[in-house]
Amino acid sequence: MGVVNTWHTQGDSRVCSGCAALEWEERAIGQAFVLGVYGPPLHDGCRCYMTQEYTGGGEIEVVDVAGEVERVLARLGTRDILEAGRG
């Protein structure tokens, strides 16, 4: 499946029946949930949220952000960065 979206509610007495029906429903990226929506909010005041989980299949790209930032800083130097920020 690749990446799965999972619908979550707050799990309290304020959760409406529409949102409660979607609790823990899983859909592939780009696939609509049962009520035809692709994610929260379902309605005004909706407190639901969605999580995403990699379930395998296909490839994902891992980016070393900290390492890339360090390489850019080393290449530009502090003075160049400060001057670019003032521009």
C-alpha atoms as a PDB file:
ATOM      1  CA  MET A   1       0.000   0.000   0.000  1.00  0.00           C
ATOM      2  CA  GLY A   2       2.918   2.390   0.593  1.00  0.00           C
ATOM      3  CA  VAL A   3       1.661   5.199   2.841  1.00  0.00           C
ATOM      4  CA  VAL A   4      -1.630   4.931   4.720  1.00  0.00           C
ATOM      5  CA  ASN A   5      -3.724   7.788   6.145  1.00  0.00           C
ATOM      6  CA  THR A   6      -5.533   6.900   9.385  1.00  0.00           C
ATOM      7  CA  TRP A   7      -8.438   8.975  10.738  1.00  0.00           C
ATOM      8  CA  HIS A   8      -8.482   9.744  14.466  1.00  0.00           C
ATOM      9  CA  THR A   9     -10.968  11.485  16.742  1.00  0.00           C
ATOM     10  CA  GLN A  10     -10.386  13.008  20.166  1.00  0.00           C
ATOM     11  CA  GLY A  11     -12.206   9.992  21.634  1.00  0.00           C
ATOM     12  CA  ASP A  12     -14.415  11.994  23.980  1.00  0.00           C
ATOM     13  CA  SER A  13     -18.148  12.662  24.402  1.00  0.00           C
ATOM     14  CA  ARG A  14     -18.014  15.630  21.988  1.00  0.00           C
ATOM     15  CA  VAL A  15     -17.167  13.463  18.944  1.00  0.00           C
ATOM     16  CA  CYS A  16     -20.046  13.487  16.450  1.00  0.00           C
ATOM     17  CA  SER A  17     -21.435  10.283  14.922  1.00  0.00           C
ATOM     18  CA  GLY A  18     -19.940  11.065  11.500  1.00  0.00           C
ATOM     19  CA  CYS A  19     -16.444  11.386  12.903  1.00  0.00           C
ATOM     20  CA  ALA A  20     -16.926   8.388  15.211  1.00  0.00           C
ATOM     21  CA  ALA A  21     -17.732   6.269  12.145  1.00  0.00           C
ATOM     22  CA  LEU A  22     -14.371   7.218  10.628  1.00  0.00           C
ATOM     23  CA  GLU A  23     -12.256   6.460  13.738  1.00  0.00           C
ATOM     24  CA  TRP A  24      -9.256   4.265  12.766  1.00  0.00           C
ATOM     25  CA  GLU A  25     -10.355   4.073   9.106  1.00  0.00           C
ATOM     26  CA  GLU A  26      -7.339   3.656   6.827  1.00  0.00           C
ATOM     27  CA  ARG A  27      -6.995   4.817   3.239  1.00  0.00           C
ATOM     28  CA  ALA A  28      -4.151   5.031   0.774  1.00  0.00           C
ATOM     29  CA  ILE A  29      -2.895   8.510  -0.112  1.00  0.00           C
ATOM     30  CA  GLY A  30      -5.356  10.061  -2.579  1.00  0.00           C
ATOM     31  CA  GLN A  31      -8.185   7.641  -1.698  1.00  0.00           C
ATOM     32  CA  ALA A  32     -11.320   9.156  -0.159  1.00  0.00           C
ATOM     33  CA  PHE A  33     -12.720   8.012   3.171  1.00  0.00           C
ATOM     34  CA  VAL A  34     -16.221   6.511   3.385  1.00  0.00           C
ATOM     35  CA  LEU A  35     -18.001   9.870   3.504  1.00  0.00           C
ATOM     36  CA  GLY A  36     -16.150  11.113   0.404  1.00  0.00           C
ATOM     37  CA  VAL A  37     -13.641  13.312   2.205  1.00  0.00           C
ATOM     38  CA  TYR A  38      -9.868  13.008   2.008  1.00  0.00           C
ATOM     39  CA  GLY A  39      -9.188  14.051   5.601  1.00  0.00           C
ATOM     40  CA  PRO A  40     -10.302  16.261   8.476  1.00  0.00           C
ATOM     41  CA  PRO A  41     -12.027  18.551   9.078  1.00  0.00           C
ATOM     42  CA  LEU A  42     -15.323  16.812   8.394  1.00  0.00           C
ATOM     43  CA  HIS A  43     -17.375  19.796   9.641  1.00  0.00           C
ATOM     44  CA  ASP A  44     -17.029  23.169  11.388  1.00  0.00           C
ATOM     45  CA  GLY A  45     -15.471  22.661  14.810  1.00  0.00           C
ATOM     46  CA  CYS A  46     -14.093  19.229  13.870  1.00  0.00           C
ATOM     47  CA  ARG A  47     -11.200  18.228  16.142  1.00  0.00           C
ATOM     48  CA  CYS A  48     -10.194  15.104  14.225  1.00  0.00           C
ATOM     49  CA  TYR A  49      -6.701  14.557  12.880  1.00  0.00           C
ATOM     50  CA  MET A  50      -4.986  12.175  10.540  1.00  0.00           C
ATOM     51  CA  THR A  51      -1.748  10.254  10.853  1.00  0.00           C
ATOM     52  CA  GLN A  52       0.337   8.774   8.068  1.00  0.00           C
ATOM     53  CA  GLU A  53       2.239   5.520   8.270  1.00  0.00           C
ATOM     54  CA  TYR A  54       4.644   3.933   5.829  1.00  0.00           C
ATOM     55  CA  THR A  55       3.484   0.342   5.387  1.00  0.00           C
ATOM     56  CA  GLY A  56       6.118  -0.910   2.967  1.00  0.00           C
ATOM     57  CA  GLY A  57       6.129  -1.361  -0.748  1.00  0.00           C
ATOM     58  CA  GLY A  58       7.781   1.117  -3.020  1.00  0.00           C
ATOM     59  CA  GLU A  59      10.700   3.279  -2.023  1.00  0.00           C
ATOM     60  CA  ILE A  60      10.998   6.285   0.243  1.00  0.00           C
ATOM     61  CA  GLU A  61      13.750   8.863   0.077  1.00  0.00           C
ATOM     62  CA  VAL A  62      15.558   9.683   3.287  1.00  0.00           C
ATOM     63  CA  VAL A  63      17.116  13.130   3.346  1.00  0.00           C
ATOM     64  CA  ASP A  64      19.892  14.079   5.760  1.00  0.00           C
ATOM     65  CA  VAL A  65      18.707  17.640   6.371  1.00  0.00           C
ATOM     66  CA  ALA A  66      21.252  18.451   9.078  1.00  0.00           C
ATOM     67  CA  GLY A  67      24.091  17.156   6.929  1.00  0.00           C
ATOM     68  CA  GLU A  68      22.887  19.145   3.934  1.00  0.00           C
ATOM     69  CA  VAL A  69      22.662  22.344   5.984  1.00  0.00           C
ATOM     70  CA  GLU A  70      26.207  21.818   7.239  1.00  0.00           C
ATOM     71  CA  ARG A  71      27.463  21.310   3.668  1.00  0.00           C
ATOM     72  CA  VAL A  72      25.758  24.518   2.502  1.00  0.00           C
ATOM     73  CA  LEU A  73      27.111  26.509   5.448  1.00  0.00           C
ATOM     74  CA  ALA A  74      30.615  25.220   4.812  1.00  0.00           C
ATOM     75  CA  ARG A  75      30.351  26.066   1.116  1.00  0.00           C
ATOM     76  CA  LEU A  76      28.984  29.605   1.661  1.00  0.00           C
ATOM     77  CA  GLY A  77      30.690  30.609   4.883  1.00  0.00           C
ATOM     78  CA  THR A  78      29.138  32.632   7.685  1.00  0.00           C
ATOM     79  CA  ARG A  79      29.895  36.058   6.174  1.00  0.00           C
ATOM     80  CA  ASP A  80      28.089  35.206   2.932  1.00  0.00           C
ATOM     81  CA  ILE A  81      25.037  33.978   4.841  1.00  0.00           C
ATOM     82  CA  LEU A  82      24.852  37.121   6.961  1.00  0.00           C
ATOM     83  CA  GLU A  83      25.190  39.353   3.915  1.00  0.00           C
ATOM     84  CA  ALA A  84      22.530  37.392   2.022  1.00  0.00           C
ATOM     85  CA  GLY A  85      20.161  37.827   4.987  1.00  0.00           C
ATOM     86  CA  ARG A  86      20.582  41.603   4.889  1.00  0.00           C
ATOM     87  CA  GLY A  87      19.910  41.793   1.139  1.00  0.00           C
END
